C-alpha atoms as a PDB file:
ATOM      1  CA  UNK A   1     104.895 159.326  40.012  1.00  0.00           C
ATOM      2  CA  UNK A   2     107.081 161.860  41.854  1.00  0.00           C
ATOM      3  CA  UNK A   3     108.393 163.206  38.129  1.00  0.00           C
ATOM      4  CA  UNK A   4     106.559 163.594  34.792  1.00  0.00           C
ATOM      5  CA  UNK A   5     108.241 162.287  32.529  1.00  0.00           C
ATOM      6  CA  UNK A   6     107.540 163.265  28.566  1.00  0.00           C
ATOM      7  CA  UNK A   7     109.115 161.442  25.729  1.00  0.00           C
ATOM      8  CA  UNK A   8     110.665 163.001  22.950  1.00  0.00           C
ATOM      9  CA  UNK A   9     110.909 162.206  18.962  1.00  0.00           C
ATOM     10  CA  UNK A  10     114.016 159.682  19.963  1.00  0.00           C
ATOM     11  CA  UNK A  11     111.700 157.677  22.845  1.00  0.00           C
ATOM     12  CA  UNK A  12     114.755 156.858  24.776  1.00  0.00           C
ATOM     13  CA  UNK A  13     115.647 160.659  25.156  1.00  0.00           C
ATOM     14  CA  UNK A  14     112.613 161.773  27.914  1.00  0.00           C
ATOM     15  CA  UNK A  15     112.059 165.000  29.855  1.00  0.00           C
ATOM     16  CA  UNK A  16     111.532 164.812  33.477  1.00  0.00           C
ATOM     17  CA  UNK A  17     109.498 167.379  35.310  1.00  0.00           C
ATOM     18  CA  UNK A  18     109.974 167.334  38.935  1.00  0.00           C
ATOM     19  CA  UNK A  19     107.692 168.103  41.079  1.00  0.00           C
ATOM     20  CA  UNK A  20     108.096 171.262  42.425  1.00  0.00           C
ATOM     21  CA  UNK A  21     106.758 173.605  45.596  1.00  0.00           C
ATOM     22  CA  UNK A  22     107.090 176.904  45.782  1.00  0.00           C
ATOM     23  CA  UNK A  23     105.838 179.645  48.302  1.00  0.00           C
ATOM     24  CA  UNK A  24     106.441 183.474  48.599  1.00  0.00           C
ATOM     25  CA  UNK A  25     109.025 182.577  50.463  1.00  0.00           C
ATOM     26  CA  UNK A  26     110.740 180.406  47.462  1.00  0.00           C
ATOM     27  CA  UNK A  27     110.887 176.746  45.938  1.00  0.00           C
ATOM     28  CA  UNK A  28     112.140 173.077  46.722  1.00  0.00           C
ATOM     29  CA  UNK A  29     112.717 170.114  44.636  1.00  0.00           C
ATOM     30  CA  UNK A  30     114.131 166.989  45.034  1.00  0.00           C
ATOM     31  CA  UNK A  31     116.789 167.434  42.049  1.00  0.00           C
ATOM     32  CA  UNK A  32     117.714 163.527  42.262  1.00  0.00           C
ATOM     33  CA  UNK A  33     115.814 160.546  44.119  1.00  0.00           C
ATOM     34  CA  UNK A  34     117.095 156.501  42.692  1.00  0.00           C
ATOM     35  CA  UNK A  35     113.815 155.353  43.468  1.00  0.00           C
ATOM     36  CA  UNK A  36     111.747 157.719  42.193  1.00  0.00           C
ATOM     37  CA  UNK A  37     113.971 157.817  38.927  1.00  0.00           C
ATOM     38  CA  UNK A  38     113.541 154.441  38.951  1.00  0.00           C
ATOM     39  CA  UNK A  39     109.726 154.484  39.283  1.00  0.00           C
ATOM     40  CA  UNK A  40     109.299 157.127  36.699  1.00  0.00           C
ATOM     41  CA  UNK A  41     111.182 156.280  33.778  1.00  0.00           C
ATOM     42  CA  UNK A  42     111.995 152.137  34.551  1.00  0.00           C
ATOM     43  CA  UNK A  43     115.492 153.165  34.141  1.00  0.00           C
ATOM     44  CA  UNK A  44     117.542 151.465  37.085  1.00  0.00           C
ATOM     45  CA  UNK A  45     121.174 152.751  36.776  1.00  0.00           C
ATOM     46  CA  UNK A  46     123.464 154.124  39.530  1.00  0.00           C
ATOM     47  CA  UNK A  47     125.119 157.454  38.421  1.00  0.00           C
ATOM     48  CA  UNK A  48     128.509 157.799  39.243  1.00  0.00           C
ATOM     49  CA  UNK A  49     129.706 161.455  38.844  1.00  0.00           C
ATOM     50  CA  UNK A  50     128.518 164.521  38.927  1.00  0.00           C
ATOM     51  CA  UNK A  51     129.682 166.745  36.664  1.00  0.00           C
ATOM     52  CA  UNK A  52     129.502 171.444  36.579  1.00  0.00           C
ATOM     53  CA  UNK A  53     129.993 173.314  33.838  1.00  0.00           C
ATOM     54  CA  UNK A  54     129.579 177.606  33.411  1.00  0.00           C
ATOM     55  CA  UNK A  55     129.273 178.666  29.795  1.00  0.00           C
ATOM     56  CA  UNK A  56     128.896 182.116  28.228  1.00  0.00           C
ATOM     57  CA  UNK A  57     126.263 183.069  25.400  1.00  0.00           C
ATOM     58  CA  UNK A  58     126.587 180.822  22.053  1.00  0.00           C
ATOM     59  CA  UNK A  59     129.336 178.740  23.729  1.00  0.00           C
ATOM     60  CA  UNK A  60     128.315 175.097  21.816  1.00  0.00           C
ATOM     61  CA  UNK A  61     129.764 172.306  24.238  1.00  0.00           C
ATOM     62  CA  UNK A  62     129.478 168.907  21.900  1.00  0.00           C
ATOM     63  CA  UNK A  63     128.452 166.931  20.689  1.00  0.00           C
ATOM     64  CA  UNK A  64     130.113 164.512  22.905  1.00  0.00           C
ATOM     65  CA  UNK A  65     130.429 160.588  23.792  1.00  0.00           C
ATOM     66  CA  UNK A  66     131.968 158.236  24.823  1.00  0.00           C
ATOM     67  CA  UNK A  67     132.657 155.413  22.676  1.00  0.00           C
ATOM     68  CA  UNK A  68     133.761 152.570  25.170  1.00  0.00           C
ATOM     69  CA  UNK A  69     132.360 153.387  28.683  1.00  0.00           C
ATOM     70  CA  UNK A  70     129.299 154.859  27.381  1.00  0.00           C
ATOM     71  CA  UNK A  71     127.451 157.400  29.669  1.00  0.00           C
ATOM     72  CA  UNK A  72     123.551 157.812  30.017  1.00  0.00           C
ATOM     73  CA  UNK A  73     123.683 161.405  31.278  1.00  0.00           C
ATOM     74  CA  UNK A  74     120.899 163.018  33.613  1.00  0.00           C
ATOM     75  CA  UNK A  75     121.187 167.237  32.484  1.00  0.00           C
ATOM     76  CA  UNK A  76     119.794 169.983  34.177  1.00  0.00           C
ATOM     77  CA  UNK A  77     120.362 173.927  34.023  1.00  0.00           C
ATOM     78  CA  UNK A  78     119.984 176.071  37.396  1.00  0.00           C
ATOM     79  CA  UNK A  79     121.043 178.908  35.906  1.00  0.00           C
ATOM     80  CA  UNK A  80     120.290 180.547  32.260  1.00  0.00           C
ATOM     81  CA  UNK A  81     119.147 178.637  29.583  1.00  0.00           C
ATOM     82  CA  UNK A  82     120.680 176.262  26.509  1.00  0.00           C
ATOM     83  CA  UNK A  83     119.524 174.552  23.741  1.00  0.00           C
ATOM     84  CA  UNK A  84     120.403 170.894  24.426  1.00  0.00           C
ATOM     85  CA  UNK A  85     120.721 168.249  21.996  1.00  0.00           C
ATOM     86  CA  UNK A  86     120.578 164.401  21.373  1.00  0.00           C
ATOM     87  CA  UNK A  87     121.522 162.782  18.496  1.00  0.00           C
ATOM     88  CA  UNK A  88     121.034 159.309  18.419  1.00  0.00           C
ATOM     89  CA  UNK A  89     124.310 157.028  17.255  1.00  0.00           C
ATOM     90  CA  UNK A  90     123.490 153.143  17.978  1.00  0.00           C
ATOM     91  CA  UNK A  91     123.784 151.926  13.686  1.00  0.00           C
ATOM     92  CA  UNK A  92     121.062 149.149  14.562  1.00  0.00           C
ATOM     93  CA  UNK A  93     118.697 151.974  15.923  1.00  0.00           C
ATOM     94  CA  UNK A  94     115.802 152.640  13.086  1.00  0.00           C
ATOM     95  CA  UNK A  95     116.700 156.471  14.410  1.00  0.00           C
ATOM     96  CA  UNK A  96     120.502 156.262  13.786  1.00  0.00           C
ATOM     97  CA  UNK A  97     121.489 159.596  12.977  1.00  0.00           C
ATOM     98  CA  UNK A  98     118.536 161.516  14.181  1.00  0.00           C
ATOM     99  CA  UNK A  99     118.345 164.532  16.854  1.00  0.00           C
ATOM    100  CA  UNK A 100     116.205 165.550  19.169  1.00  0.00           C
ATOM    101  CA  UNK A 101     116.472 169.283  20.707  1.00  0.00           C
ATOM    102  CA  UNK A 102     114.989 171.024  24.014  1.00  0.00           C
ATOM    103  CA  UNK A 103     115.273 173.844  25.180  1.00  0.00           C
ATOM    104  CA  UNK A 104     116.050 173.520  28.943  1.00  0.00           C
ATOM    105  CA  UNK A 105     116.188 176.783  31.750  1.00  0.00           C
ATOM    106  CA  UNK A 106     116.297 177.335  35.104  1.00  0.00           C
ATOM    107  CA  UNK A 107     113.010 178.308  35.438  1.00  0.00           C
ATOM    108  CA  UNK A 108     111.121 175.049  34.397  1.00  0.00           C
ATOM    109  CA  UNK A 109     113.518 172.757  36.672  1.00  0.00           C
ATOM    110  CA  UNK A 110     113.347 170.454  33.906  1.00  0.00           C
ATOM    111  CA  UNK A 111     115.808 167.646  33.153  1.00  0.00           C
ATOM    112  CA  UNK A 112     116.855 165.284  29.959  1.00  0.00           C
ATOM    113  CA  UNK A 113     117.366 161.537  29.997  1.00  0.00           C
ATOM    114  CA  UNK A 114     120.456 161.003  27.722  1.00  0.00           C
ATOM    115  CA  UNK A 115     121.159 157.298  27.277  1.00  0.00           C
ATOM    116  CA  UNK A 116     124.224 155.622  26.699  1.00  0.00           C
ATOM    117  CA  UNK A 117     124.863 155.244  22.486  1.00  0.00           C
ATOM    118  CA  UNK A 118     123.853 159.030  21.996  1.00  0.00           C
ATOM    119  CA  UNK A 119     125.919 162.224  21.336  1.00  0.00           C
ATOM    120  CA  UNK A 120     125.000 165.129  23.759  1.00  0.00           C
ATOM    121  CA  UNK A 121     125.505 169.082  23.596  1.00  0.00           C
ATOM    122  CA  UNK A 122     124.098 171.779  24.775  1.00  0.00           C
ATOM    123  CA  UNK A 123     124.409 175.845  23.336  1.00  0.00           C
ATOM    124  CA  UNK A 124     124.057 178.698  25.904  1.00  0.00           C
ATOM    125  CA  UNK A 125     121.478 181.214  25.119  1.00  0.00           C
ATOM    126  CA  UNK A 126     121.402 183.476  27.937  1.00  0.00           C
ATOM    127  CA  UNK A 127     124.132 185.487  29.228  1.00  0.00           C
ATOM    128  CA  UNK A 128     125.058 182.310  31.383  1.00  0.00           C
ATOM    129  CA  UNK A 129     124.324 178.759  31.974  1.00  0.00           C
ATOM    130  CA  UNK A 130     125.000 176.611  34.938  1.00  0.00           C
ATOM    131  CA  UNK A 131     124.706 173.105  33.736  1.00  0.00           C
ATOM    132  CA  UNK A 132     124.812 169.671  35.520  1.00  0.00           C
ATOM    133  CA  UNK A 133     125.064 166.420  34.431  1.00  0.00           C
ATOM    134  CA  UNK A 134     124.636 162.918  36.606  1.00  0.00           C
ATOM    135  CA  UNK A 135     126.668 159.915  34.555  1.00  0.00           C
ATOM    136  CA  UNK A 136     126.542 156.435  35.060  1.00  0.00           C
ATOM    137  CA  UNK A 137     130.019 156.083  33.801  1.00  0.00           C
ATOM    138  CA  UNK A 138     133.405 157.920  34.437  1.00  0.00           C
ATOM    139  CA  UNK A 139     134.960 160.066  31.864  1.00  0.00           C
ATOM    140  CA  UNK A 140     137.901 158.777  29.614  1.00  0.00           C
ATOM    141  CA  UNK A 141     139.844 161.056  27.739  1.00  0.00           C
ATOM    142  CA  UNK A 142     141.158 158.423  25.710  1.00  0.00           C
ATOM    143  CA  UNK A 143     137.239 157.047  24.506  1.00  0.00           C
ATOM    144  CA  UNK A 144     135.550 160.778  24.561  1.00  0.00           C
ATOM    145  CA  UNK A 145     134.640 161.260  20.835  1.00  0.00           C
ATOM    146  CA  UNK A 146     133.139 164.240  19.020  1.00  0.00           C
ATOM    147  CA  UNK A 147     130.456 164.318  16.383  1.00  0.00           C
ATOM    148  CA  UNK A 148     130.408 167.757  13.993  1.00  0.00           C
ATOM    149  CA  UNK A 149     127.438 169.959  15.854  1.00  0.00           C
ATOM    150  CA  UNK A 150     127.067 171.688  12.460  1.00  0.00           C
ATOM    151  CA  UNK A 151     126.893 168.665  10.248  1.00  0.00           C
ATOM    152  CA  UNK A 152     123.662 168.701   7.880  1.00  0.00           C
ATOM    153  CA  UNK A 153     122.946 165.137   7.735  1.00  0.00           C
ATOM    154  CA  UNK A 154     121.567 165.220  11.626  1.00  0.00           C
ATOM    155  CA  UNK A 155     119.596 168.010  10.437  1.00  0.00           C
ATOM    156  CA  UNK A 156     119.660 170.027  13.862  1.00  0.00           C
ATOM    157  CA  UNK A 157     117.964 173.822  13.685  1.00  0.00           C
ATOM    158  CA  UNK A 158     120.637 175.853  15.450  1.00  0.00           C
ATOM    159  CA  UNK A 159     119.539 179.390  15.843  1.00  0.00           C
ATOM    160  CA  UNK A 160     120.439 181.253  13.136  1.00  0.00           C
ATOM    161  CA  UNK A 161     121.669 184.680  15.110  1.00  0.00           C
ATOM    162  CA  UNK A 162     124.613 183.088  17.466  1.00  0.00           C
ATOM    163  CA  UNK A 163     127.644 182.444  16.142  1.00  0.00           C
ATOM    164  CA  UNK A 164     128.901 179.420  18.122  1.00  0.00           C
ATOM    165  CA  UNK A 165     132.209 179.158  20.543  1.00  0.00           C
ATOM    166  CA  UNK A 166     133.419 175.610  19.894  1.00  0.00           C
ATOM    167  CA  UNK A 167     136.589 174.004  21.405  1.00  0.00           C
ATOM    168  CA  UNK A 168     138.841 172.694  18.775  1.00  0.00           C
ATOM    169  CA  UNK A 169     137.809 169.282  19.302  1.00  0.00           C
ATOM    170  CA  UNK A 170     133.944 170.134  18.434  1.00  0.00           C
ATOM    171  CA  UNK A 171     135.166 172.552  15.672  1.00  0.00           C
ATOM    172  CA  UNK A 172     136.975 169.407  14.132  1.00  0.00           C
ATOM    173  CA  UNK A 173     134.885 166.893  14.672  1.00  0.00           C
ATOM    174  CA  UNK A 174     133.829 164.182  11.968  1.00  0.00           C
ATOM    175  CA  UNK A 175     131.032 164.209  10.435  1.00  0.00           C
ATOM    176  CA  UNK A 176     128.484 161.282  11.060  1.00  0.00           C
ATOM    177  CA  UNK A 177     129.362 159.208   8.000  1.00  0.00           C
ATOM    178  CA  UNK A 178     132.674 159.207   9.173  1.00  0.00           C
ATOM    179  CA  UNK A 179     132.333 158.974  12.994  1.00  0.00           C
ATOM    180  CA  UNK A 180     133.127 155.883  15.248  1.00  0.00           C
ATOM    181  CA  UNK A 181     129.476 154.751  16.358  1.00  0.00           C
ATOM    182  CA  UNK A 182     127.879 152.150  18.562  1.00  0.00           C
ATOM    183  CA  UNK A 183     127.280 148.359  17.171  1.00  0.00           C
END
């Protein structure tokens, strides 16, 4: 298989490790190949938008999702290190409200598949981080929602030594009990 795929505690959320070819000159890998993605994951999706963010240490982006036009996301870090967090927001799921955290960094080249129906966010652990994500649907600001990053019901173990820097919409986001979620 082109990718090594590792399921997480939320089985629909997967860590993908590409085959990296390295030598004294540096490295090369295919960061995305549709045929290989389908063969490795069994997921046949079309990506319609690529996003790139750069953030400083302590910036917490999320937890975001779109209540209509939900997005699947294939995310990776190309510079720096982040703590990536995914929360199952499908009320019909036996894992509703459960979260999984993964450390992503530029050195390992790992990617994370975040399916539609899940909230996603990340906290920058390095001085800066460049974060790329491919999405299966376009961004619709009127449908974007945030979930409170610090909701105790989510049980997310954020690093205690970092005071998160948040956008206003994330600082004021509703708790899971009050959030709009998926059926």
